[in-house]
């Protein structure tokens, strides 16, 4: 099926007499007739449901739909995008290991990898996404286990050269993990360009209505863990917490997601509720339609801002003047996303005045839902970063992040215009 059909039809396949709409299995536990039946589930010898912290039918149907959209073999839902990014890495890394990450990533992700993982004994080297092959190669160490980046960085809106980073990762026996939140699989499928694992904050475009926080990890099934056995013992050697199961031997291409579910989710939780998964599925059904409208509205807004005398710069890879336009055409020829970042002449003070003058657009700690909204990254999402870290992340003190909604584009532009008059 094509992408827009998968959005509507993927995941839930009702049988005769079953509900047409995906049901909410709002239950913590599931009944079995014999002790042996449940024992086989705990031993990973049978498939089935016994406790929602590990698996739930509603959650699994939605995860299957996202995996199908991305072209992956399996997926796992998490309670947030941050949980997805954390699990994606710690599923293959432990104390003493090292990551390479694009410096231009979401502020929360930067803090997660730079500070929180460091407290757990893992180190991360950040590299400029525009760095040369040689500069990226220099960041690797013998204990490097993964490379991480964002398809479209939040909020710098740089476009990751997926093939370049995939080549570097694979040359060092590491998987490439790509956060595809902003582009969504409607506009970009990173697996087709060499990425191995994809993460999402489903809170954004996938949910699309600012109703349910969530995340997802999708595995392509393409990375050969056994070829790098010594690097990934968690997948390639017996797991003593599951009676010596070796994930790659028993589950093949499903090894990575099986381990993340059976081990990390078992021990750490961070599951979405079935109700939240149900709401996410409702959003997914219109994802293809909404993304198209977000992109066309954002392009109209970006062109308006680009031509305005009070605007100093506009970051939006859909503009031909943008330095990432060519990369965007390669990886996302049908559109990038509905998010724009821009700066006003006058810096932080004028940015605040402009934002406080908006009427249609709301100031919220969110992005990528149906309603137009704005945020000041240096004061909000990236507030904990130093000036040096802000610069490396592509965030200037006066930068405004504008998430263009699906309202009438003329109304959006009129709101921007009246607010610019106040600045």
Protein backbone atom coordinates (compact mmCIF):
# COMPACT_ATOMS: atom_id res chain seq x y z
CA UNK A 1 0.00 0.00 0.00
CA UNK A 2 1.05 3.59 -0.55
CA UNK A 3 1.77 5.93 2.36
CA UNK A 4 -1.59 7.69 2.53
CA UNK A 5 -3.41 4.33 2.39
CA UNK A 6 -1.21 2.88 5.15
CA UNK A 7 -2.13 5.90 7.32
CA UNK A 8 -5.78 4.85 7.11
CA UNK A 9 -5.61 1.06 6.73
CA UNK A 10 -2.33 0.00 8.37
CA UNK A 11 -1.90 -1.76 11.71
CA UNK A 12 -5.39 -2.95 12.66
CA UNK A 13 -6.74 -5.79 10.48
CA UNK A 14 -10.19 -6.68 11.85
CA UNK A 15 -11.50 -10.19 11.30
CA UNK A 16 -15.14 -11.13 10.74
CA UNK A 17 -17.33 -9.61 13.43
CA UNK A 18 -14.52 -7.54 14.99
CA UNK A 19 -14.69 -3.73 15.41
CA UNK A 20 -13.90 -1.75 12.26
CA UNK A 21 -12.09 0.86 14.40
CA UNK A 22 -9.04 -0.15 16.48
CA UNK A 23 -10.34 -0.93 19.99
CA UNK A 24 -8.82 0.43 23.19
CA UNK A 25 -7.61 -2.56 25.19
CA UNK A 26 -7.68 -0.66 28.46
CA UNK A 27 -6.43 -3.51 30.62
CA UNK A 28 -3.24 -3.98 32.59
CA UNK A 29 -3.32 -7.77 32.34
CA UNK A 30 -4.54 -10.69 30.23
CA UNK A 31 -5.96 -14.09 31.23
CA UNK A 32 -4.62 -17.58 30.41
CA UNK A 33 -5.97 -21.03 31.14
CA UNK A 34 -2.82 -22.75 32.35
CA UNK A 35 0.39 -21.92 34.19
CA UNK A 36 2.40 -23.38 31.30
CA UNK A 37 0.81 -21.01 28.76
CA UNK A 38 1.82 -17.95 30.73
CA UNK A 39 5.22 -19.41 31.57
CA UNK A 40 6.04 -19.74 27.88
CA UNK A 41 5.28 -16.03 27.40
CA UNK A 42 7.65 -15.06 30.21
CA UNK A 43 10.32 -17.28 28.65
CA UNK A 44 9.87 -15.53 25.24
CA UNK A 45 8.92 -18.90 23.74
CA UNK A 46 5.42 -17.82 22.59
CA UNK A 47 3.88 -14.57 21.35
CA UNK A 48 1.02 -13.06 23.29
CA UNK A 49 -0.06 -10.56 25.88
CA UNK A 50 0.22 -10.86 29.63
CA UNK A 51 1.02 -7.38 31.01
CA UNK A 52 0.58 -3.99 29.34
CA UNK A 53 3.95 -2.67 30.54
CA UNK A 54 5.49 -5.03 28.00
CA UNK A 55 2.88 -5.26 25.25
CA UNK A 56 -0.71 -4.26 24.59
CA UNK A 57 -2.83 -5.02 21.48
CA UNK A 58 -3.80 -1.36 20.92
CA UNK A 59 -0.21 -0.17 21.26
CA UNK A 60 1.15 -2.93 19.04
CA UNK A 61 -1.29 -2.21 16.20
CA UNK A 62 -0.24 1.45 16.18
CA UNK A 63 3.45 0.51 16.34
CA UNK A 64 2.92 -1.85 13.38
CA UNK A 65 1.36 0.98 11.37
CA UNK A 66 4.35 3.27 12.03
CA UNK A 67 6.78 0.47 11.16
CA UNK A 68 4.92 -0.05 7.88
CA UNK A 69 5.03 3.69 7.12
CA UNK A 70 8.80 3.76 7.71
CA UNK A 71 9.46 0.49 5.89
CA UNK A 72 10.82 -1.19 9.04
CA UNK A 73 10.44 -4.72 10.36
CA UNK A 74 9.18 -3.83 13.84
CA UNK A 75 8.48 -0.91 16.16
CA UNK A 76 7.87 -0.16 19.83
CA UNK A 77 5.81 2.71 21.25
CA UNK A 78 7.12 4.69 24.23
CA UNK A 79 5.57 7.24 26.54
CA UNK A 80 7.44 10.16 24.89
CA UNK A 81 9.91 11.01 22.16
CA UNK A 82 12.60 11.48 24.79
CA UNK A 83 11.98 7.94 26.07
CA UNK A 84 12.31 6.68 22.49
CA UNK A 85 15.67 8.44 22.05
CA UNK A 86 16.89 7.13 25.41
CA UNK A 87 15.85 3.53 24.73
CA UNK A 88 17.13 3.58 21.15
CA UNK A 89 20.65 4.23 22.43
CA UNK A 90 20.68 2.32 25.72
CA UNK A 91 19.35 -0.79 23.98
CA UNK A 92 22.86 -1.17 22.52
CA UNK A 93 25.04 1.02 24.78
CA UNK A 94 26.12 0.77 28.40
CA UNK A 95 28.61 2.37 30.81
CA UNK A 96 31.98 2.82 29.11
CA UNK A 97 30.51 3.23 25.60
CA UNK A 98 30.61 6.23 23.29
CA UNK A 99 28.22 7.92 20.81
CA UNK A 100 28.67 10.31 17.93
CA UNK A 101 25.81 12.80 17.52
CA UNK A 102 25.00 15.71 15.25
CA UNK A 103 25.45 18.94 17.22
CA UNK A 104 22.25 20.38 15.77
CA UNK A 105 19.57 18.42 17.56
CA UNK A 106 16.64 19.24 19.83
CA UNK A 107 17.77 20.79 23.13
CA UNK A 108 16.26 17.99 25.21
CA UNK A 109 18.10 15.40 23.14
CA UNK A 110 21.36 17.34 23.51
CA UNK A 111 20.97 17.38 27.30
CA UNK A 112 20.04 13.69 27.35
CA UNK A 113 23.18 12.65 25.50
CA UNK A 114 25.59 15.29 26.86
CA UNK A 115 24.59 15.23 30.54
CA UNK A 116 22.26 12.41 31.59
CA UNK A 117 24.00 9.62 29.67
CA UNK A 118 27.34 10.96 30.91
CA UNK A 119 26.15 10.38 34.50
CA UNK A 120 25.46 6.79 33.47
CA UNK A 121 28.98 6.34 32.15
CA UNK A 122 28.36 6.93 28.44
CA UNK A 123 30.10 9.71 26.53
CA UNK A 124 28.94 11.59 23.45
CA UNK A 125 30.96 13.56 20.90
CA UNK A 126 28.97 16.17 18.99
CA UNK A 127 29.91 16.95 15.39
CA UNK A 128 28.68 19.63 13.03
CA UNK A 129 26.21 18.00 10.60
CA UNK A 130 27.96 19.88 7.80
CA UNK A 131 31.36 18.47 8.80
CA UNK A 132 33.51 16.75 6.22
CA UNK A 133 33.89 13.00 6.06
CA UNK A 134 37.32 13.34 7.67
CA UNK A 135 35.99 15.46 10.56
CA UNK A 136 33.21 12.96 11.24
CA UNK A 137 35.66 10.05 11.08
CA UNK A 138 37.87 11.78 13.67
CA UNK A 139 35.01 11.69 16.21
CA UNK A 140 34.92 7.88 16.35
CA UNK A 141 36.61 5.84 19.06
CA UNK A 142 37.12 2.09 19.47
CA UNK A 143 34.18 2.07 21.92
CA UNK A 144 31.77 4.04 19.68
CA UNK A 145 28.49 2.10 19.46
CA UNK A 146 26.07 4.40 17.57
CA UNK A 147 25.70 7.55 15.48
CA UNK A 148 22.68 9.82 16.02
CA UNK A 149 21.10 12.69 14.09
CA UNK A 150 17.80 14.36 13.16
CA UNK A 151 16.40 14.35 9.63
CA UNK A 152 15.46 18.01 10.11
CA UNK A 153 17.04 19.51 13.20
CA UNK A 154 14.84 21.19 15.80
CA UNK A 155 14.96 24.23 15.72
CA UNK A 156 17.97 24.96 13.47
CA UNK A 157 16.19 23.18 10.58
CA UNK A 158 19.43 21.87 9.12
CA UNK A 159 18.93 18.83 6.91
CA UNK A 160 21.02 15.78 7.78
CA UNK A 161 23.02 14.23 4.96
CA UNK A 162 21.80 10.75 5.86
CA UNK A 163 23.98 8.88 3.37
CA UNK A 164 27.14 10.65 4.57
CA UNK A 165 26.48 9.79 8.20
CA UNK A 166 25.37 6.25 7.36
CA UNK A 167 28.62 5.58 5.49
CA UNK A 168 30.68 6.85 8.43
CA UNK A 169 28.67 4.82 10.93
CA UNK A 170 28.84 1.60 8.93
CA UNK A 171 32.57 2.00 8.26
CA UNK A 172 33.02 1.78 12.05
CA UNK A 173 30.54 -1.05 12.60
CA UNK A 174 27.88 1.20 14.13
CA UNK A 175 24.19 1.71 13.35
CA UNK A 176 22.85 5.13 12.35
CA UNK A 177 19.89 6.25 14.49
CA UNK A 178 17.80 9.06 12.94
CA UNK A 179 15.07 11.07 14.63
CA UNK A 180 12.52 11.54 11.83
CA UNK A 181 9.97 13.56 13.84
CA UNK A 182 9.81 16.70 11.69
CA UNK A 183 9.92 15.09 8.24
CA UNK A 184 7.69 12.11 9.17
CA UNK A 185 7.73 9.03 6.91
CA UNK A 186 5.37 10.90 4.59
CA UNK A 187 8.21 13.16 3.45
CA UNK A 188 11.31 11.07 4.24
CA UNK A 189 12.06 7.41 4.88
CA UNK A 190 15.61 7.33 6.30
CA UNK A 191 15.96 3.54 5.89
CA UNK A 192 16.02 4.05 2.12
CA UNK A 193 19.15 6.19 2.55
CA UNK A 194 21.11 3.89 4.88
CA UNK A 195 19.76 4.65 8.37
CA UNK A 196 19.27 1.61 10.60
CA UNK A 197 16.95 2.79 13.38
CA UNK A 198 14.40 5.61 13.37
CA UNK A 199 12.86 7.39 16.35
CA UNK A 200 9.86 9.70 16.57
CA UNK A 201 8.26 12.04 18.98
CA UNK A 202 4.75 10.98 17.98
CA UNK A 203 3.55 13.94 20.07
CA UNK A 204 4.21 16.11 17.01
CA UNK A 205 2.85 15.59 13.48
CA UNK A 206 1.83 11.97 14.00
CA UNK A 207 -0.60 12.86 16.78
CA UNK A 208 -1.16 16.23 15.16
CA UNK A 209 -3.67 17.62 17.66
CA UNK A 210 -1.59 18.26 20.81
CA UNK A 211 -3.57 15.62 22.68
CA UNK A 212 -1.18 12.77 23.53
CA UNK A 213 2.53 12.70 24.35
CA UNK A 214 4.28 9.67 22.87
CA UNK A 215 7.28 8.24 21.07
CA UNK A 216 8.27 5.37 18.81
CA UNK A 217 11.36 3.37 17.84
CA UNK A 218 11.42 1.61 14.46
CA UNK A 219 14.06 -0.92 13.40
CA UNK A 220 14.89 -1.43 9.74
CA UNK A 221 16.12 -4.98 10.37
CA UNK A 222 19.09 -4.21 8.13
CA UNK A 223 21.96 -3.85 10.59
CA UNK A 224 23.91 -7.09 11.02
CA UNK A 225 24.55 -7.21 14.77
CA UNK A 226 26.26 -10.59 14.55
CA UNK A 227 28.91 -9.20 12.20
CA UNK A 228 29.97 -6.95 15.09
CA UNK A 229 29.41 -9.46 17.86
CA UNK A 230 31.91 -7.99 20.30
CA UNK A 231 30.40 -4.50 20.02
CA UNK A 232 26.85 -5.56 20.87
CA UNK A 233 26.98 -8.36 23.44
CA UNK A 234 23.51 -7.47 24.71
CA UNK A 235 22.08 -8.70 21.42
CA UNK A 236 24.57 -11.38 20.43
CA UNK A 237 25.32 -13.20 23.70
CA UNK A 238 22.99 -14.98 26.16
CA UNK A 239 20.79 -12.77 28.35
CA UNK A 240 20.88 -14.21 31.90
CA UNK A 241 17.63 -12.39 32.77
CA UNK A 242 15.78 -14.52 30.18
CA UNK A 243 17.28 -17.97 30.79
CA UNK A 244 20.14 -17.41 28.37
CA UNK A 245 18.19 -16.20 25.34
CA UNK A 246 20.43 -14.81 22.58
CA UNK A 247 18.26 -12.26 20.77
CA UNK A 248 19.91 -12.36 17.36
CA UNK A 249 19.85 -16.16 17.30
CA UNK A 250 16.25 -16.57 18.46
CA UNK A 251 14.60 -13.52 16.85
CA UNK A 252 16.72 -12.66 13.80
CA UNK A 253 15.71 -9.32 12.31
CA UNK A 254 13.35 -8.73 15.26
CA UNK A 255 16.21 -8.95 17.77
CA UNK A 256 16.63 -5.21 18.44
CA UNK A 257 12.95 -4.42 19.11
CA UNK A 258 12.42 -7.68 21.02
CA UNK A 259 15.28 -6.80 23.38
CA UNK A 260 14.04 -3.21 23.80
CA UNK A 261 10.59 -4.50 24.71
CA UNK A 262 11.49 -7.53 26.80
CA UNK A 263 14.39 -5.97 28.67
CA UNK A 264 14.26 -2.17 28.74
CA UNK A 265 10.49 -1.77 28.87
CA UNK A 266 10.31 -4.56 31.45
CA UNK A 267 12.83 -2.81 33.71
CA UNK A 268 12.19 0.88 33.06
CA UNK A 269 8.56 1.21 31.97
CA UNK A 270 7.82 4.41 29.98
CA UNK A 271 4.91 2.86 28.12
CA UNK A 272 2.10 4.87 26.53
CA UNK A 273 -1.40 4.19 27.80
CA UNK A 274 -3.68 2.32 25.35
CA UNK A 275 -5.88 5.44 25.31
CA UNK A 276 -2.95 7.57 24.14
CA UNK A 277 -2.08 4.99 21.48
CA UNK A 278 -5.68 5.10 20.29
CA UNK A 279 -5.52 8.91 20.01
CA UNK A 280 -2.23 8.62 18.14
CA UNK A 281 -3.85 6.26 15.65
CA UNK A 282 -6.65 8.75 15.03
CA UNK A 283 -3.99 11.34 14.21
CA UNK A 284 -2.08 8.95 11.95
CA UNK A 285 -5.15 8.42 9.79
CA UNK A 286 -4.93 12.03 8.52
CA UNK A 287 -1.13 12.39 8.65
CA UNK A 288 -0.59 12.43 4.88
CA UNK A 289 -3.30 15.06 4.39
CA UNK A 290 -2.09 17.29 7.20
CA UNK A 291 1.60 17.12 6.32
CA UNK A 292 0.85 18.33 2.79
CA UNK A 293 -1.08 21.32 4.17
CA UNK A 294 1.55 22.08 6.83
CA UNK A 295 4.24 22.17 4.15
CA UNK A 296 2.34 24.38 1.71
CA UNK A 297 1.34 26.81 4.47
CA UNK A 298 4.90 26.92 5.81
CA UNK A 299 6.30 27.67 2.37
CA UNK A 300 3.88 30.58 1.95
CA UNK A 301 4.80 31.93 5.40
CA UNK A 302 8.53 31.46 4.76
CA UNK A 303 8.35 33.36 1.47
CA UNK A 304 6.47 36.20 3.19
CA UNK A 305 9.05 36.42 5.99
CA UNK A 306 11.99 36.10 3.59
CA UNK A 307 10.81 39.19 1.72
CA UNK A 308 10.01 41.29 4.81
CA UNK A 309 12.31 44.20 5.62
CA UNK A 310 12.29 43.56 9.38
CA UNK A 311 13.37 39.91 9.05
CA UNK A 312 17.09 39.22 9.26
CA UNK A 313 17.10 35.55 8.26
CA UNK A 314 14.76 32.62 7.57
CA UNK A 315 15.64 28.95 7.96
CA UNK A 316 13.37 26.77 5.83
CA UNK A 317 14.76 24.17 3.45
CA UNK A 318 11.77 24.61 1.14
CA UNK A 319 13.18 28.01 0.06
CA UNK A 320 15.58 27.92 -2.88
CA UNK A 321 17.79 30.43 -1.05
CA UNK A 322 18.22 28.08 1.92
CA UNK A 323 21.64 26.37 2.17
CA UNK A 324 19.92 23.02 2.72
CA UNK A 325 17.58 23.28 -0.25
CA UNK A 326 19.54 20.83 -2.41
CA UNK A 327 19.79 18.24 0.38
CA UNK A 328 16.08 18.64 1.04
CA UNK A 329 15.34 18.06 -2.63
CA UNK A 330 17.38 14.86 -2.47
CA UNK A 331 15.86 13.40 0.71
CA UNK A 332 12.46 15.16 0.83
CA UNK A 333 11.40 16.19 -2.68
CA UNK A 334 7.71 16.42 -1.73
CA UNK A 335 8.27 18.85 1.15
CA UNK A 336 10.15 19.17 4.42
CA UNK A 337 7.93 20.14 7.36
CA UNK A 338 5.73 22.94 8.66
CA UNK A 339 8.33 24.49 10.96
CA UNK A 340 10.25 27.68 10.20
CA UNK A 341 12.91 29.41 12.28
CA UNK A 342 13.73 33.06 11.69
CA UNK A 343 15.24 36.10 13.33
CA UNK A 344 14.27 39.75 13.40
CA UNK A 345 16.60 42.70 13.07
CA UNK A 346 17.06 43.86 16.64
CA UNK A 347 17.56 40.42 18.16
CA UNK A 348 16.03 39.03 21.33
CA UNK A 349 14.11 42.15 22.38
CA UNK A 350 12.31 42.47 19.05
CA UNK A 351 11.64 38.73 18.93
CA UNK A 352 9.87 38.92 22.29
CA UNK A 353 7.86 41.98 21.21
CA UNK A 354 6.82 40.24 17.99
CA UNK A 355 5.76 37.03 19.73
CA UNK A 356 3.76 38.88 22.38
CA UNK A 357 1.87 40.71 19.59
CA UNK A 358 0.64 37.59 17.78
CA UNK A 359 -3.10 36.91 17.94
CA UNK A 360 -3.74 33.75 15.92
CA UNK A 361 -0.46 32.01 16.78
CA UNK A 362 -0.04 30.95 20.40
CA UNK A 363 3.14 30.87 22.50
CA UNK A 364 3.33 27.25 23.63
CA UNK A 365 5.99 24.65 24.46
CA UNK A 366 5.00 22.56 21.51
CA UNK A 367 5.37 22.26 17.79
CA UNK A 368 3.85 20.46 14.81
CA UNK A 369 0.17 20.28 15.56
CA UNK A 370 -2.83 21.63 13.65
CA UNK A 371 -2.62 25.08 15.27
CA UNK A 372 0.02 27.68 14.46
CA UNK A 373 2.30 28.34 17.41
CA UNK A 374 5.61 30.00 18.27
CA UNK A 375 8.42 29.53 20.74
CA UNK A 376 11.68 31.30 21.63
CA UNK A 377 14.26 28.46 21.77
CA UNK A 378 16.97 30.40 23.65
CA UNK A 379 14.48 31.17 26.44
CA UNK A 380 12.50 27.92 26.34
CA UNK A 381 13.58 24.54 24.88
CA UNK A 382 17.32 25.38 24.85
CA UNK A 383 17.43 27.56 27.98
CA UNK A 384 19.84 25.23 29.84
CA UNK A 385 22.51 25.46 27.11
CA UNK A 386 25.51 27.79 27.24
CA UNK A 387 26.03 30.47 24.57
CA UNK A 388 28.69 28.24 23.00
CA UNK A 389 26.35 25.25 22.96
CA UNK A 390 23.55 27.41 21.52
CA UNK A 391 25.83 28.50 18.69
CA UNK A 392 26.81 24.89 17.89
CA UNK A 393 23.12 23.94 17.91
CA UNK A 394 22.38 26.73 15.41
CA UNK A 395 20.29 28.73 17.89
CA UNK A 396 20.78 32.51 17.98
CA UNK A 397 19.50 34.64 20.91
CA UNK A 398 16.82 36.23 18.73
CA UNK A 399 15.69 33.09 16.87
CA UNK A 400 11.94 32.42 16.72
CA UNK A 401 10.58 28.94 15.99
CA UNK A 402 7.30 29.16 14.09
CA UNK A 403 5.23 26.01 13.70
CA UNK A 404 2.80 26.71 10.87
CA UNK A 405 -0.58 25.06 11.32
CA UNK A 406 -3.27 24.02 8.88
CA UNK A 407 -5.40 27.17 9.15
CA UNK A 408 -6.06 29.35 6.10
CA UNK A 409 -2.62 30.56 4.95
CA UNK A 410 -3.86 34.12 4.43
CA UNK A 411 -4.95 34.33 8.06
CA UNK A 412 -1.55 33.07 9.21
CA UNK A 413 0.30 35.65 7.10
CA UNK A 414 -1.99 38.47 8.22
CA UNK A 415 -1.20 37.59 11.86
CA UNK A 416 2.54 37.64 11.13
CA UNK A 417 2.19 40.94 9.33
CA UNK A 418 0.31 42.71 12.12
CA UNK A 419 2.80 41.41 14.75
CA UNK A 420 5.76 42.57 12.65
CA UNK A 421 4.31 46.09 12.67
CA UNK A 422 4.63 46.07 16.46
CA UNK A 423 8.29 45.04 16.35
